[in-house]
């Protein structure tokens, strides 16, 4: 348990170091990074918290379309807004 906690502690500064250069990119690319994070969170909530999500076996193309659809929607909102 201590090793797992130590590993999580190391991931926070690592994420900050990897995310720092994203701040220098264009607003559209930044929106893409944020959209991906939002999509990943929505996917995890859907998969882990909704019992109905486990009634049907997962298919890779459905998961890919889930990510692509939200990413496209948020990128369109960023570029048009």
C-alpha atoms as a PDB file:
ATOM      1  CA  UNK A   1       0.000   0.000   0.000  1.00  0.00           C
ATOM      2  CA  UNK A   2       2.866   2.352   0.785  1.00  0.00           C
ATOM      3  CA  UNK A   3       4.445   1.636  -2.595  1.00  0.00           C
ATOM      4  CA  UNK A   4       1.180   2.404  -4.391  1.00  0.00           C
ATOM      5  CA  UNK A   5       0.825   5.678  -2.507  1.00  0.00           C
ATOM      6  CA  UNK A   6       4.438   6.613  -3.277  1.00  0.00           C
ATOM      7  CA  UNK A   7       3.849   5.847  -6.948  1.00  0.00           C
ATOM      8  CA  UNK A   8       0.812   8.138  -6.997  1.00  0.00           C
ATOM      9  CA  UNK A   9       2.829  10.906  -5.327  1.00  0.00           C
ATOM     10  CA  UNK A  10       5.427  10.676  -8.103  1.00  0.00           C
ATOM     11  CA  UNK A  11       2.778  10.873 -10.832  1.00  0.00           C
ATOM     12  CA  UNK A  12       1.505  14.320  -9.785  1.00  0.00           C
ATOM     13  CA  UNK A  13       4.732  16.256 -10.458  1.00  0.00           C
ATOM     14  CA  UNK A  14       5.365  14.133 -13.537  1.00  0.00           C
ATOM     15  CA  UNK A  15       1.968  15.160 -14.902  1.00  0.00           C
ATOM     16  CA  UNK A  16       2.744  18.795 -14.161  1.00  0.00           C
ATOM     17  CA  UNK A  17       6.065  18.554 -16.014  1.00  0.00           C
ATOM     18  CA  UNK A  18       4.445  16.898 -19.009  1.00  0.00           C
ATOM     19  CA  UNK A  19       1.508  19.316 -19.000  1.00  0.00           C
ATOM     20  CA  UNK A  20       3.619  22.465 -18.803  1.00  0.00           C
ATOM     21  CA  UNK A  21       4.583  22.572 -22.493  1.00  0.00           C
ATOM     22  CA  UNK A  22       0.896  22.249 -23.442  1.00  0.00           C
ATOM     23  CA  UNK A  23       0.389  25.799 -22.115  1.00  0.00           C
ATOM     24  CA  UNK A  24       2.587  27.118 -24.926  1.00  0.00           C
ATOM     25  CA  UNK A  25       0.477  25.532 -27.663  1.00  0.00           C
ATOM     26  CA  UNK A  26      -2.445  27.169 -29.459  1.00  0.00           C
ATOM     27  CA  UNK A  27      -5.851  27.461 -27.811  1.00  0.00           C
ATOM     28  CA  UNK A  28      -7.304  24.815 -30.126  1.00  0.00           C
ATOM     29  CA  UNK A  29      -4.661  22.253 -29.189  1.00  0.00           C
ATOM     30  CA  UNK A  30      -5.128  23.075 -25.511  1.00  0.00           C
ATOM     31  CA  UNK A  31      -8.855  22.515 -25.958  1.00  0.00           C
ATOM     32  CA  UNK A  32      -8.055  19.128 -27.486  1.00  0.00           C
ATOM     33  CA  UNK A  33      -6.046  18.126 -24.430  1.00  0.00           C
ATOM     34  CA  UNK A  34      -8.785  19.291 -22.078  1.00  0.00           C
ATOM     35  CA  UNK A  35     -11.441  17.579 -24.186  1.00  0.00           C
ATOM     36  CA  UNK A  36      -9.556  14.303 -24.022  1.00  0.00           C
ATOM     37  CA  UNK A  37      -9.342  14.566 -20.235  1.00  0.00           C
ATOM     38  CA  UNK A  38     -13.052  15.306 -20.026  1.00  0.00           C
ATOM     39  CA  UNK A  39     -13.872  12.392 -22.303  1.00  0.00           C
ATOM     40  CA  UNK A  40     -11.736  10.035 -20.245  1.00  0.00           C
ATOM     41  CA  UNK A  41     -13.513  11.144 -17.073  1.00  0.00           C
ATOM     42  CA  UNK A  42     -16.939  10.712 -18.654  1.00  0.00           C
ATOM     43  CA  UNK A  43     -15.981   7.273 -19.895  1.00  0.00           C
ATOM     44  CA  UNK A  44     -14.785   6.189 -16.460  1.00  0.00           C
ATOM     45  CA  UNK A  45     -17.975   7.437 -14.821  1.00  0.00           C
ATOM     46  CA  UNK A  46     -20.075   5.639 -17.405  1.00  0.00           C
ATOM     47  CA  UNK A  47     -18.136   2.393 -17.148  1.00  0.00           C
ATOM     48  CA  UNK A  48     -17.639   2.185 -13.410  1.00  0.00           C
ATOM     49  CA  UNK A  49     -20.692   3.804 -11.890  1.00  0.00           C
ATOM     50  CA  UNK A  50     -23.527   2.749 -14.155  1.00  0.00           C
ATOM     51  CA  UNK A  51     -24.559  -0.861 -13.709  1.00  0.00           C
ATOM     52  CA  UNK A  52     -26.277  -0.860 -17.091  1.00  0.00           C
ATOM     53  CA  UNK A  53     -22.946  -0.249 -18.807  1.00  0.00           C
ATOM     54  CA  UNK A  54     -21.870  -3.791 -17.935  1.00  0.00           C
ATOM     55  CA  UNK A  55     -24.953  -5.574 -19.278  1.00  0.00           C
ATOM     56  CA  UNK A  56     -23.521  -5.713 -22.816  1.00  0.00           C
ATOM     57  CA  UNK A  57     -19.955  -6.755 -23.648  1.00  0.00           C
ATOM     58  CA  UNK A  58     -17.664  -3.852 -24.585  1.00  0.00           C
ATOM     59  CA  UNK A  59     -16.754  -3.408 -28.233  1.00  0.00           C
ATOM     60  CA  UNK A  60     -13.650  -1.404 -29.212  1.00  0.00           C
ATOM     61  CA  UNK A  61     -15.366   0.565 -31.977  1.00  0.00           C
ATOM     62  CA  UNK A  62     -18.101   1.790 -29.607  1.00  0.00           C
ATOM     63  CA  UNK A  63     -15.477   3.071 -27.184  1.00  0.00           C
ATOM     64  CA  UNK A  64     -13.569   4.749 -30.016  1.00  0.00           C
ATOM     65  CA  UNK A  65     -16.720   6.479 -31.292  1.00  0.00           C
ATOM     66  CA  UNK A  66     -17.499   7.657 -27.746  1.00  0.00           C
ATOM     67  CA  UNK A  67     -14.103   9.349 -27.517  1.00  0.00           C
ATOM     68  CA  UNK A  68     -14.171  10.698 -31.074  1.00  0.00           C
ATOM     69  CA  UNK A  69     -17.668  12.143 -30.743  1.00  0.00           C
ATOM     70  CA  UNK A  70     -16.976  14.114 -27.589  1.00  0.00           C
ATOM     71  CA  UNK A  71     -13.599  15.251 -28.855  1.00  0.00           C
ATOM     72  CA  UNK A  72     -15.114  16.511 -32.107  1.00  0.00           C
ATOM     73  CA  UNK A  73     -17.951  18.272 -30.293  1.00  0.00           C
ATOM     74  CA  UNK A  74     -15.647  20.087 -27.903  1.00  0.00           C
ATOM     75  CA  UNK A  75     -13.134  21.024 -30.602  1.00  0.00           C
ATOM     76  CA  UNK A  76     -15.930  22.421 -32.782  1.00  0.00           C
ATOM     77  CA  UNK A  77     -17.205  24.442 -29.857  1.00  0.00           C
ATOM     78  CA  UNK A  78     -13.712  25.821 -29.233  1.00  0.00           C
ATOM     79  CA  UNK A  79     -13.020  26.764 -32.854  1.00  0.00           C
ATOM     80  CA  UNK A  80     -16.451  28.261 -33.555  1.00  0.00           C
ATOM     81  CA  UNK A  81     -16.965  29.975 -30.204  1.00  0.00           C
END
